[in-house]
Amino acid sequence: MVFEARLETEKAPRTAAAFAERLPFESKVVHVRWSGEGVWIPLGDLDFGVGYENHTSYPAPGQILLYPGGISETEILLAYGGVHFASKMGQLAGNHFITLTTGLDLLPEVGRRALWHGAQDIRFEAA
């Protein structure tokens, strides 16, 4: 599946810039455990060098968050449905730095594949 997206350079300028420096970015997404209808990329102690900006615990479908680390590991979260962002430590808030602009109707399939078939490849790249 291919999605187009908007990098939120005005709402999350430091996070957007830090992520853009790492493009192309390849990893795997797995289904969330505590947050609802989302997939996440666990990043351990990877430091993007950003704090909170434009952060939320309730992303809409198609919004991508970066949790910069703290009480839980660094991670990227993609909401495909209803999400209340959390970890085993409790509620988290992540920086909303990307918004998908096409293919939103395909998002439930992203979640289904990760839930029923395990980790899925993901690649972020500039157009």
C-alpha atoms as a PDB file:
ATOM      1  CA  MET A   1       0.000   0.000   0.000  1.00  0.00           C
ATOM      2  CA  VAL A   2       1.199   3.496  -0.791  1.00  0.00           C
ATOM      3  CA  PHE A   3       0.021   6.613   1.012  1.00  0.00           C
ATOM      4  CA  GLU A   4       0.750  10.268   0.385  1.00  0.00           C
ATOM      5  CA  ALA A   5       1.252  12.470   3.406  1.00  0.00           C
ATOM      6  CA  ARG A   6       1.911  15.983   4.632  1.00  0.00           C
ATOM      7  CA  LEU A   7       4.868  16.636   6.899  1.00  0.00           C
ATOM      8  CA  GLU A   8       3.538  19.004   9.585  1.00  0.00           C
ATOM      9  CA  THR A   9       6.386  21.519   9.300  1.00  0.00           C
ATOM     10  CA  GLU A  10       4.384  24.406  10.782  1.00  0.00           C
ATOM     11  CA  LYS A  11       2.724  22.546  13.669  1.00  0.00           C
ATOM     12  CA  ALA A  12       5.733  20.379  14.643  1.00  0.00           C
ATOM     13  CA  PRO A  13       8.779  22.013  13.009  1.00  0.00           C
ATOM     14  CA  ARG A  14      11.512  20.400  15.150  1.00  0.00           C
ATOM     15  CA  THR A  15      10.013  16.915  14.926  1.00  0.00           C
ATOM     16  CA  ALA A  16       9.363  17.200  11.183  1.00  0.00           C
ATOM     17  CA  ALA A  17      12.936  18.393  10.556  1.00  0.00           C
ATOM     18  CA  ALA A  18      14.478  15.661  12.738  1.00  0.00           C
ATOM     19  CA  PHE A  19      12.493  12.969  10.928  1.00  0.00           C
ATOM     20  CA  ALA A  20      13.151  14.424   7.457  1.00  0.00           C
ATOM     21  CA  GLU A  21      16.894  14.176   8.149  1.00  0.00           C
ATOM     22  CA  ARG A  22      16.478  10.406   8.531  1.00  0.00           C
ATOM     23  CA  LEU A  23      14.653   9.817   5.229  1.00  0.00           C
ATOM     24  CA  PRO A  24      14.335   7.337   3.743  1.00  0.00           C
ATOM     25  CA  PHE A  25      13.260   5.679   6.994  1.00  0.00           C
ATOM     26  CA  GLU A  26      12.602   1.935   6.952  1.00  0.00           C
ATOM     27  CA  SER A  27      11.336  -0.229   9.772  1.00  0.00           C
ATOM     28  CA  LYS A  28       8.495  -2.540  10.749  1.00  0.00           C
ATOM     29  CA  VAL A  29       5.130  -1.739  12.305  1.00  0.00           C
ATOM     30  CA  VAL A  30       3.449  -3.970  14.870  1.00  0.00           C
ATOM     31  CA  HIS A  31      -0.029  -3.706  16.301  1.00  0.00           C
ATOM     32  CA  VAL A  32      -0.334  -1.585  19.457  1.00  0.00           C
ATOM     33  CA  ARG A  33      -0.936  -3.311  22.775  1.00  0.00           C
ATOM     34  CA  TRP A  34      -2.643  -0.649  24.913  1.00  0.00           C
ATOM     35  CA  SER A  35      -3.672   2.155  22.559  1.00  0.00           C
ATOM     36  CA  GLY A  36      -6.560   0.778  20.494  1.00  0.00           C
ATOM     37  CA  GLU A  37      -6.620   0.864  16.702  1.00  0.00           C
ATOM     38  CA  GLY A  38      -3.068   1.721  15.766  1.00  0.00           C
ATOM     39  CA  VAL A  39       0.290   0.344  14.742  1.00  0.00           C
ATOM     40  CA  TRP A  40       3.621   1.405  16.145  1.00  0.00           C
ATOM     41  CA  ILE A  41       7.320   1.327  15.441  1.00  0.00           C
ATOM     42  CA  PRO A  42       9.285   0.608  18.624  1.00  0.00           C
ATOM     43  CA  LEU A  43      12.528   2.608  18.555  1.00  0.00           C
ATOM     44  CA  GLY A  44      14.071   1.855  21.941  1.00  0.00           C
ATOM     45  CA  ASP A  45      16.382   4.630  23.062  1.00  0.00           C
ATOM     46  CA  LEU A  46      16.709   6.321  19.643  1.00  0.00           C
ATOM     47  CA  ASP A  47      16.958  10.045  20.340  1.00  0.00           C
ATOM     48  CA  PHE A  48      15.458  12.416  17.774  1.00  0.00           C
ATOM     49  CA  GLY A  49      16.641  15.376  19.866  1.00  0.00           C
ATOM     50  CA  VAL A  50      13.153  16.861  20.237  1.00  0.00           C
ATOM     51  CA  GLY A  51      10.780  17.465  23.114  1.00  0.00           C
ATOM     52  CA  TYR A  52       7.036  17.848  23.020  1.00  0.00           C
ATOM     53  CA  GLU A  53       5.386  19.939  20.291  1.00  0.00           C
ATOM     54  CA  ASN A  54       1.922  19.573  18.793  1.00  0.00           C
ATOM     55  CA  HIS A  55       1.468  16.545  21.046  1.00  0.00           C
ATOM     56  CA  THR A  56      -1.710  14.572  21.578  1.00  0.00           C
ATOM     57  CA  SER A  57      -2.922  11.371  23.193  1.00  0.00           C
ATOM     58  CA  TYR A  58      -5.884  11.066  20.809  1.00  0.00           C
ATOM     59  CA  PRO A  59      -4.692  11.054  17.181  1.00  0.00           C
ATOM     60  CA  ALA A  60      -7.238  10.809  14.386  1.00  0.00           C
ATOM     61  CA  PRO A  61      -6.969   8.061  11.771  1.00  0.00           C
ATOM     62  CA  GLY A  62      -4.108   8.901   9.434  1.00  0.00           C
ATOM     63  CA  GLN A  63      -2.166  10.948  11.961  1.00  0.00           C
ATOM     64  CA  ILE A  64       1.368   9.831  12.793  1.00  0.00           C
ATOM     65  CA  LEU A  65       2.943  10.651  16.140  1.00  0.00           C
ATOM     66  CA  LEU A  66       6.489  10.564  17.448  1.00  0.00           C
ATOM     67  CA  TYR A  67       6.830   9.851  21.142  1.00  0.00           C
ATOM     68  CA  PRO A  68      10.308  11.244  21.894  1.00  0.00           C
ATOM     69  CA  GLY A  69      10.912   8.980  24.878  1.00  0.00           C
ATOM     70  CA  GLY A  70      10.702   9.506  28.607  1.00  0.00           C
ATOM     71  CA  ILE A  71       8.572   7.173  30.712  1.00  0.00           C
ATOM     72  CA  SER A  72       8.433   4.708  27.810  1.00  0.00           C
ATOM     73  CA  GLU A  73      10.648   3.984  24.830  1.00  0.00           C
ATOM     74  CA  THR A  74      10.843   6.203  21.747  1.00  0.00           C
ATOM     75  CA  GLU A  75       8.231   5.190  19.198  1.00  0.00           C
ATOM     76  CA  ILE A  76       6.249   6.192  16.144  1.00  0.00           C
ATOM     77  CA  LEU A  77       2.505   5.536  16.184  1.00  0.00           C
ATOM     78  CA  LEU A  78       0.065   5.495  13.250  1.00  0.00           C
ATOM     79  CA  ALA A  79      -3.633   5.636  14.109  1.00  0.00           C
ATOM     80  CA  TYR A  80      -5.911   3.655  11.784  1.00  0.00           C
ATOM     81  CA  GLY A  81      -8.999   4.036  13.993  1.00  0.00           C
ATOM     82  CA  GLY A  82      -9.789   5.106  17.535  1.00  0.00           C
ATOM     83  CA  VAL A  83      -6.639   5.578  19.622  1.00  0.00           C
ATOM     84  CA  HIS A  84      -5.970   6.579  23.228  1.00  0.00           C
ATOM     85  CA  PHE A  85      -2.157   6.582  23.159  1.00  0.00           C
ATOM     86  CA  ALA A  86      -0.738   4.632  26.095  1.00  0.00           C
ATOM     87  CA  SER A  87       1.921   2.207  27.265  1.00  0.00           C
ATOM     88  CA  LYS A  88       2.250  -0.123  30.228  1.00  0.00           C
ATOM     89  CA  MET A  89       3.379   2.999  32.118  1.00  0.00           C
ATOM     90  CA  GLY A  90       0.077   4.804  31.386  1.00  0.00           C
ATOM     91  CA  GLN A  91      -1.114   7.516  29.040  1.00  0.00           C
ATOM     92  CA  LEU A  92       1.412   8.973  26.580  1.00  0.00           C
ATOM     93  CA  ALA A  93       1.354  11.972  24.253  1.00  0.00           C
ATOM     94  CA  GLY A  94       3.221  12.052  20.973  1.00  0.00           C
ATOM     95  CA  ASN A  95       4.108  14.803  18.517  1.00  0.00           C
ATOM     96  CA  HIS A  96       1.701  14.813  15.561  1.00  0.00           C
ATOM     97  CA  PHE A  97       4.194  15.393  12.748  1.00  0.00           C
ATOM     98  CA  ILE A  98       2.747  13.604   9.687  1.00  0.00           C
ATOM     99  CA  THR A  99      -0.808  13.461   8.340  1.00  0.00           C
ATOM    100  CA  LEU A 100      -1.764  10.958   5.644  1.00  0.00           C
ATOM    101  CA  THR A 101      -3.603  12.693   2.800  1.00  0.00           C
ATOM    102  CA  THR A 102      -4.561   9.732   0.600  1.00  0.00           C
ATOM    103  CA  GLY A 103      -5.683   6.171   1.134  1.00  0.00           C
ATOM    104  CA  LEU A 104      -7.399   6.670   4.486  1.00  0.00           C
ATOM    105  CA  ASP A 105      -9.921   3.993   3.488  1.00  0.00           C
ATOM    106  CA  LEU A 106      -7.016   1.489   3.390  1.00  0.00           C
ATOM    107  CA  LEU A 107      -5.891   2.138   6.967  1.00  0.00           C
ATOM    108  CA  PRO A 108      -8.020  -0.598   8.600  1.00  0.00           C
ATOM    109  CA  GLU A 109      -6.226  -3.114   6.354  1.00  0.00           C
ATOM    110  CA  VAL A 110      -2.865  -1.911   7.726  1.00  0.00           C
ATOM    111  CA  GLY A 111      -4.107  -2.691  11.216  1.00  0.00           C
ATOM    112  CA  ARG A 112      -5.627  -6.029  10.207  1.00  0.00           C
ATOM    113  CA  ARG A 113      -2.396  -7.198   8.598  1.00  0.00           C
ATOM    114  CA  ALA A 114      -0.289  -6.223  11.605  1.00  0.00           C
ATOM    115  CA  LEU A 115      -2.745  -7.840  14.028  1.00  0.00           C
ATOM    116  CA  TRP A 116      -3.221 -11.121  12.176  1.00  0.00           C
ATOM    117  CA  HIS A 117       0.064 -11.533  10.290  1.00  0.00           C
ATOM    118  CA  GLY A 118       2.621  -9.857  12.551  1.00  0.00           C
ATOM    119  CA  ALA A 119       5.185  -7.153  11.855  1.00  0.00           C
ATOM    120  CA  GLN A 120       4.814  -5.382   8.506  1.00  0.00           C
ATOM    121  CA  ASP A 121       7.462  -3.499   6.549  1.00  0.00           C
ATOM    122  CA  ILE A 122       7.107   0.273   6.349  1.00  0.00           C
ATOM    123  CA  ARG A 123       9.088   2.876   4.422  1.00  0.00           C
ATOM    124  CA  PHE A 124       8.883   6.663   4.621  1.00  0.00           C
ATOM    125  CA  GLU A 125      10.438   8.609   1.740  1.00  0.00           C
ATOM    126  CA  ALA A 126      10.265  12.087   0.251  1.00  0.00           C
ATOM    127  CA  ALA A 127       8.436  12.446  -3.052  1.00  0.00           C
END
